[in-house]
Amino acid sequence: MMNTATTGLAAGMALGFAGYFGDFWAFLLVLALGAAGLIVGLVMQGDLDVRGRRQR
């Protein structure tokens, strides 16, 4: 079973393939969307905190 981060990564990569399939720019697009999907998955899973609160 895939966890949330892996699902987000797979979704981002699938969107990249569906959006643009071709040369080096397609690779960069898939890389960027995969990273974005991974970050969203990690946030949803609770492994990454993006609230930016300072600790005293």
PDB file of N, CA and C in Angstrom:
ATOM      1  N   MET A   1       0.842  -1.187   0.000  1.00  0.00           N
ATOM      2  CA  MET A   1       0.000   0.000   0.000  1.00  0.00           C
ATOM      3  C   MET A   1       0.885   1.248   0.000  1.00  0.00           C
ATOM      4  N   MET A   2       0.517   2.228  -0.810  1.00  0.00           N
ATOM      5  CA  MET A   2       1.317   3.443  -0.909  1.00  0.00           C
ATOM      6  C   MET A   2       0.869   4.446   0.140  1.00  0.00           C
ATOM      7  N   ASN A   3       1.850   5.168   0.699  1.00  0.00           N
ATOM      8  CA  ASN A   3       1.499   6.214   1.658  1.00  0.00           C
ATOM      9  C   ASN A   3       1.164   7.501   0.907  1.00  0.00           C
ATOM     10  N   THR A   4       0.806   8.522   1.628  1.00  0.00           N
ATOM     11  CA  THR A   4       0.340   9.771   1.021  1.00  0.00           C
ATOM     12  C   THR A   4       1.427  10.453   0.207  1.00  0.00           C
ATOM     13  N   ALA A   5       2.665  10.443   0.712  1.00  0.00           N
ATOM     14  CA  ALA A   5       3.757  11.098  -0.016  1.00  0.00           C
ATOM     15  C   ALA A   5       4.025  10.397  -1.346  1.00  0.00           C
ATOM     16  N   THR A   6       4.008   9.078  -1.346  1.00  0.00           N
ATOM     17  CA  THR A   6       4.240   8.326  -2.577  1.00  0.00           C
ATOM     18  C   THR A   6       3.104   8.545  -3.562  1.00  0.00           C
ATOM     19  N   THR A   7       1.888   8.623  -3.061  1.00  0.00           N
ATOM     20  CA  THR A   7       0.742   8.888  -3.926  1.00  0.00           C
ATOM     21  C   THR A   7       0.838  10.283  -4.545  1.00  0.00           C
ATOM     22  N   GLY A   8       1.240  11.262  -3.749  1.00  0.00           N
ATOM     23  CA  GLY A   8       1.422  12.616  -4.278  1.00  0.00           C
ATOM     24  C   GLY A   8       2.508  12.681  -5.326  1.00  0.00           C
ATOM     25  N   LEU A   9       3.615  11.967  -5.088  1.00  0.00           N
ATOM     26  CA  LEU A   9       4.694  11.924  -6.067  1.00  0.00           C
ATOM     27  C   LEU A   9       4.219  11.289  -7.369  1.00  0.00           C
ATOM     28  N   ALA A  10       3.504  10.184  -7.273  1.00  0.00           N
ATOM     29  CA  ALA A  10       3.000   9.508  -8.467  1.00  0.00           C
ATOM     30  C   ALA A  10       2.000  10.381  -9.222  1.00  0.00           C
ATOM     31  N   ALA A  11       1.148  11.092  -8.488  1.00  0.00           N
ATOM     32  CA  ALA A  11       0.173  11.966  -9.141  1.00  0.00           C
ATOM     33  C   ALA A  11       0.858  13.116  -9.865  1.00  0.00           C
ATOM     34  N   GLY A  12       1.860  13.712  -9.239  1.00  0.00           N
ATOM     35  CA  GLY A  12       2.593  14.793  -9.893  1.00  0.00           C
ATOM     36  C   GLY A  12       3.307  14.332 -11.151  1.00  0.00           C
ATOM     37  N   MET A  13       3.904  13.160 -11.087  1.00  0.00           N
ATOM     38  CA  MET A  13       4.600  12.632 -12.263  1.00  0.00           C
ATOM     39  C   MET A  13       3.612  12.271 -13.372  1.00  0.00           C
ATOM     40  N   ALA A  14       2.470  11.711 -13.002  1.00  0.00           N
ATOM     41  CA  ALA A  14       1.465  11.376 -14.013  1.00  0.00           C
ATOM     42  C   ALA A  14       0.944  12.629 -14.701  1.00  0.00           C
ATOM     43  N   LEU A  15       0.716  13.706 -13.921  1.00  0.00           N
ATOM     44  CA  LEU A  15       0.279  14.966 -14.527  1.00  0.00           C
ATOM     45  C   LEU A  15       1.344  15.524 -15.463  1.00  0.00           C
ATOM     46  N   GLY A  16       2.601  15.365 -15.082  1.00  0.00           N
ATOM     47  CA  GLY A  16       3.684  15.829 -15.946  1.00  0.00           C
ATOM     48  C   GLY A  16       3.718  15.077 -17.265  1.00  0.00           C
ATOM     49  N   PHE A  17       3.554  13.759 -17.208  1.00  0.00           N
ATOM     50  CA  PHE A  17       3.531  12.969 -18.440  1.00  0.00           C
ATOM     51  C   PHE A  17       2.318  13.320 -19.293  1.00  0.00           C
ATOM     52  N   ALA A  18       1.192  13.505 -18.645  1.00  0.00           N
ATOM     53  CA  ALA A  18      -0.021  13.821 -19.399  1.00  0.00           C
ATOM     54  C   ALA A  18       0.044  15.217 -19.997  1.00  0.00           C
ATOM     55  N   GLY A  19       0.657  16.163 -19.277  1.00  0.00           N
ATOM     56  CA  GLY A  19       0.699  17.543 -19.747  1.00  0.00           C
ATOM     57  C   GLY A  19       1.674  17.790 -20.883  1.00  0.00           C
ATOM     58  N   TYR A  20       2.793  17.091 -20.821  1.00  0.00           N
ATOM     59  CA  TYR A  20       3.806  17.391 -21.826  1.00  0.00           C
ATOM     60  C   TYR A  20       4.745  16.213 -21.976  1.00  0.00           C
ATOM     61  N   PHE A  21       4.751  15.579 -23.120  1.00  0.00           N
ATOM     62  CA  PHE A  21       5.604  14.421 -23.356  1.00  0.00           C
ATOM     63  C   PHE A  21       6.532  14.753 -24.513  1.00  0.00           C
ATOM     64  N   GLY A  22       7.814  14.752 -24.240  1.00  0.00           N
ATOM     65  CA  GLY A  22       8.740  15.116 -25.309  1.00  0.00           C
ATOM     66  C   GLY A  22      10.180  15.025 -24.886  1.00  0.00           C
ATOM     67  N   ASP A  23      10.900  16.131 -24.962  1.00  0.00           N
ATOM     68  CA  ASP A  23      12.355  16.141 -24.807  1.00  0.00           C
ATOM     69  C   ASP A  23      12.781  16.543 -23.395  1.00  0.00           C
ATOM     70  N   PHE A  24      13.901  17.273 -23.293  1.00  0.00           N
ATOM     71  CA  PHE A  24      14.482  17.654 -22.014  1.00  0.00           C
ATOM     72  C   PHE A  24      13.537  18.502 -21.177  1.00  0.00           C
ATOM     73  N   TRP A  25      12.746  19.359 -21.824  1.00  0.00           N
ATOM     74  CA  TRP A  25      11.810  20.210 -21.087  1.00  0.00           C
ATOM     75  C   TRP A  25      10.726  19.368 -20.435  1.00  0.00           C
ATOM     76  N   ALA A  26      10.338  18.281 -21.092  1.00  0.00           N
ATOM     77  CA  ALA A  26       9.366  17.369 -20.490  1.00  0.00           C
ATOM     78  C   ALA A  26       9.945  16.742 -19.230  1.00  0.00           C
ATOM     79  N   PHE A  27      11.222  16.391 -19.278  1.00  0.00           N
ATOM     80  CA  PHE A  27      11.886  15.845 -18.090  1.00  0.00           C
ATOM     81  C   PHE A  27      11.846  16.845 -16.945  1.00  0.00           C
ATOM     82  N   LEU A  28      12.148  18.113 -17.235  1.00  0.00           N
ATOM     83  CA  LEU A  28      12.130  19.136 -16.184  1.00  0.00           C
ATOM     84  C   LEU A  28      10.717  19.359 -15.641  1.00  0.00           C
ATOM     85  N   LEU A  29       9.728  19.328 -16.521  1.00  0.00           N
ATOM     86  CA  LEU A  29       8.342  19.492 -16.092  1.00  0.00           C
ATOM     87  C   LEU A  29       7.917  18.353 -15.174  1.00  0.00           C
ATOM     88  N   VAL A  30       8.248  17.120 -15.556  1.00  0.00           N
ATOM     89  CA  VAL A  30       7.903  15.962 -14.728  1.00  0.00           C
ATOM     90  C   VAL A  30       8.644  16.023 -13.405  1.00  0.00           C
ATOM     91  N   LEU A  31       9.890  16.446 -13.425  1.00  0.00           N
ATOM     92  CA  LEU A  31      10.664  16.581 -12.191  1.00  0.00           C
ATOM     93  C   LEU A  31      10.029  17.616 -11.258  1.00  0.00           C
ATOM     94  N   ALA A  32       9.648  18.769 -11.807  1.00  0.00           N
ATOM     95  CA  ALA A  32       9.052  19.829 -10.992  1.00  0.00           C
ATOM     96  C   ALA A  32       7.691  19.413 -10.436  1.00  0.00           C
ATOM     97  N   LEU A  33       6.847  18.821 -11.267  1.00  0.00           N
ATOM     98  CA  LEU A  33       5.530  18.391 -10.802  1.00  0.00           C
ATOM     99  C   LEU A  33       5.636  17.219  -9.834  1.00  0.00           C
ATOM    100  N   GLY A  34       6.608  16.350 -10.041  1.00  0.00           N
ATOM    101  CA  GLY A  34       6.841  15.259  -9.099  1.00  0.00           C
ATOM    102  C   GLY A  34       7.277  15.784  -7.742  1.00  0.00           C
ATOM    103  N   ALA A  35       8.166  16.776  -7.742  1.00  0.00           N
ATOM    104  CA  ALA A  35       8.612  17.374  -6.478  1.00  0.00           C
ATOM    105  C   ALA A  35       7.455  18.088  -5.787  1.00  0.00           C
ATOM    106  N   ALA A  36       6.626  18.786  -6.562  1.00  0.00           N
ATOM    107  CA  ALA A  36       5.466  19.462  -5.974  1.00  0.00           C
ATOM    108  C   ALA A  36       4.488  18.448  -5.388  1.00  0.00           C
ATOM    109  N   GLY A  37       4.266  17.361  -6.082  1.00  0.00           N
ATOM    110  CA  GLY A  37       3.389  16.311  -5.572  1.00  0.00           C
ATOM    111  C   GLY A  37       3.942  15.671  -4.320  1.00  0.00           C
ATOM    112  N   LEU A  38       5.258  15.492  -4.273  1.00  0.00           N
ATOM    113  CA  LEU A  38       5.897  14.928  -3.089  1.00  0.00           C
ATOM    114  C   LEU A  38       5.738  15.859  -1.890  1.00  0.00           C
ATOM    115  N   ILE A  39       5.939  17.153  -2.108  1.00  0.00           N
ATOM    116  CA  ILE A  39       5.810  18.124  -1.022  1.00  0.00           C
ATOM    117  C   ILE A  39       4.368  18.166  -0.506  1.00  0.00           C
ATOM    118  N   VAL A  40       3.401  18.195  -1.404  1.00  0.00           N
ATOM    119  CA  VAL A  40       2.000  18.196  -0.988  1.00  0.00           C
ATOM    120  C   VAL A  40       1.675  16.917  -0.218  1.00  0.00           C
ATOM    121  N   GLY A  41       2.182  15.791  -0.692  1.00  0.00           N
ATOM    122  CA  GLY A  41       1.948  14.532   0.001  1.00  0.00           C
ATOM    123  C   GLY A  41       2.558  14.514   1.389  1.00  0.00           C
ATOM    124  N   LEU A  42       3.768  15.051   1.525  1.00  0.00           N
ATOM    125  CA  LEU A  42       4.413  15.098   2.835  1.00  0.00           C
ATOM    126  C   LEU A  42       3.675  16.027   3.789  1.00  0.00           C
ATOM    127  N   VAL A  43       3.155  17.136   3.276  1.00  0.00           N
ATOM    128  CA  VAL A  43       2.384  18.051   4.116  1.00  0.00           C
ATOM    129  C   VAL A  43       1.097  17.373   4.570  1.00  0.00           C
ATOM    130  N   MET A  44       0.408  16.705   3.657  1.00  0.00           N
ATOM    131  CA  MET A  44      -0.835  16.032   4.007  1.00  0.00           C
ATOM    132  C   MET A  44      -0.602  14.886   4.989  1.00  0.00           C
ATOM    133  N   GLN A  45       0.533  14.242   4.883  1.00  0.00           N
ATOM    134  CA  GLN A  45       0.880  13.127   5.766  1.00  0.00           C
ATOM    135  C   GLN A  45       1.288  13.618   7.146  1.00  0.00           C
ATOM    136  N   GLY A  46       1.708  14.867   7.223  1.00  0.00           N
ATOM    137  CA  GLY A  46       2.114  15.435   8.494  1.00  0.00           C
ATOM    138  C   GLY A  46       3.604  15.353   8.757  1.00  0.00           C
ATOM    139  N   ASP A  47       4.390  14.945   7.764  1.00  0.00           N
ATOM    140  CA  ASP A  47       5.837  14.835   7.912  1.00  0.00           C
ATOM    141  C   ASP A  47       6.567  16.134   7.612  1.00  0.00           C
ATOM    142  N   LEU A  48       5.874  17.115   7.055  1.00  0.00           N
ATOM    143  CA  LEU A  48       6.480  18.393   6.707  1.00  0.00           C
ATOM    144  C   LEU A  48       5.576  19.507   7.212  1.00  0.00           C
ATOM    145  N   ASP A  49       6.134  20.390   8.034  1.00  0.00           N
ATOM    146  CA  ASP A  49       5.369  21.492   8.607  1.00  0.00           C
ATOM    147  C   ASP A  49       5.728  22.774   7.862  1.00  0.00           C
ATOM    148  N   VAL A  50       4.765  23.383   7.217  1.00  0.00           N
ATOM    149  CA  VAL A  50       5.018  24.582   6.423  1.00  0.00           C
ATOM    150  C   VAL A  50       4.389  25.828   7.046  1.00  0.00           C
ATOM    151  N   ARG A  51       3.961  25.732   8.302  1.00  0.00           N
ATOM    152  CA  ARG A  51       3.319  26.886   8.950  1.00  0.00           C
ATOM    153  C   ARG A  51       4.300  27.980   9.278  1.00  0.00           C
ATOM    154  N   GLY A  52       5.579  27.679   9.436  1.00  0.00           N
ATOM    155  CA  GLY A  52       6.590  28.690   9.650  1.00  0.00           C
ATOM    156  C   GLY A  52       6.581  29.319  11.025  1.00  0.00           C
ATOM    157  N   ARG A  53       6.146  28.595  12.023  1.00  0.00           N
ATOM    158  CA  ARG A  53       6.150  29.141  13.374  1.00  0.00           C
ATOM    159  C   ARG A  53       7.552  29.062  13.960  1.00  0.00           C
ATOM    160  N   ARG A  54       7.909  30.108  14.687  1.00  0.00           N
ATOM    161  CA  ARG A  54       9.210  30.133  15.358  1.00  0.00           C
ATOM    162  C   ARG A  54       9.111  29.457  16.708  1.00  0.00           C
ATOM    163  N   GLN A  55      10.164  28.764  17.051  1.00  0.00           N
ATOM    164  CA  GLN A  55      10.239  28.171  18.381  1.00  0.00           C
ATOM    165  C   GLN A  55      11.087  29.067  19.270  1.00  0.00           C
ATOM    166  N   ARG A  56      10.671  29.310  20.476  1.00  0.00           N
ATOM    167  CA  ARG A  56      11.413  30.182  21.391  1.00  0.00           C
ATOM    168  C   ARG A  56      12.187  29.382  22.378  1.00  0.00           C
TER     169      ARG A  56
END
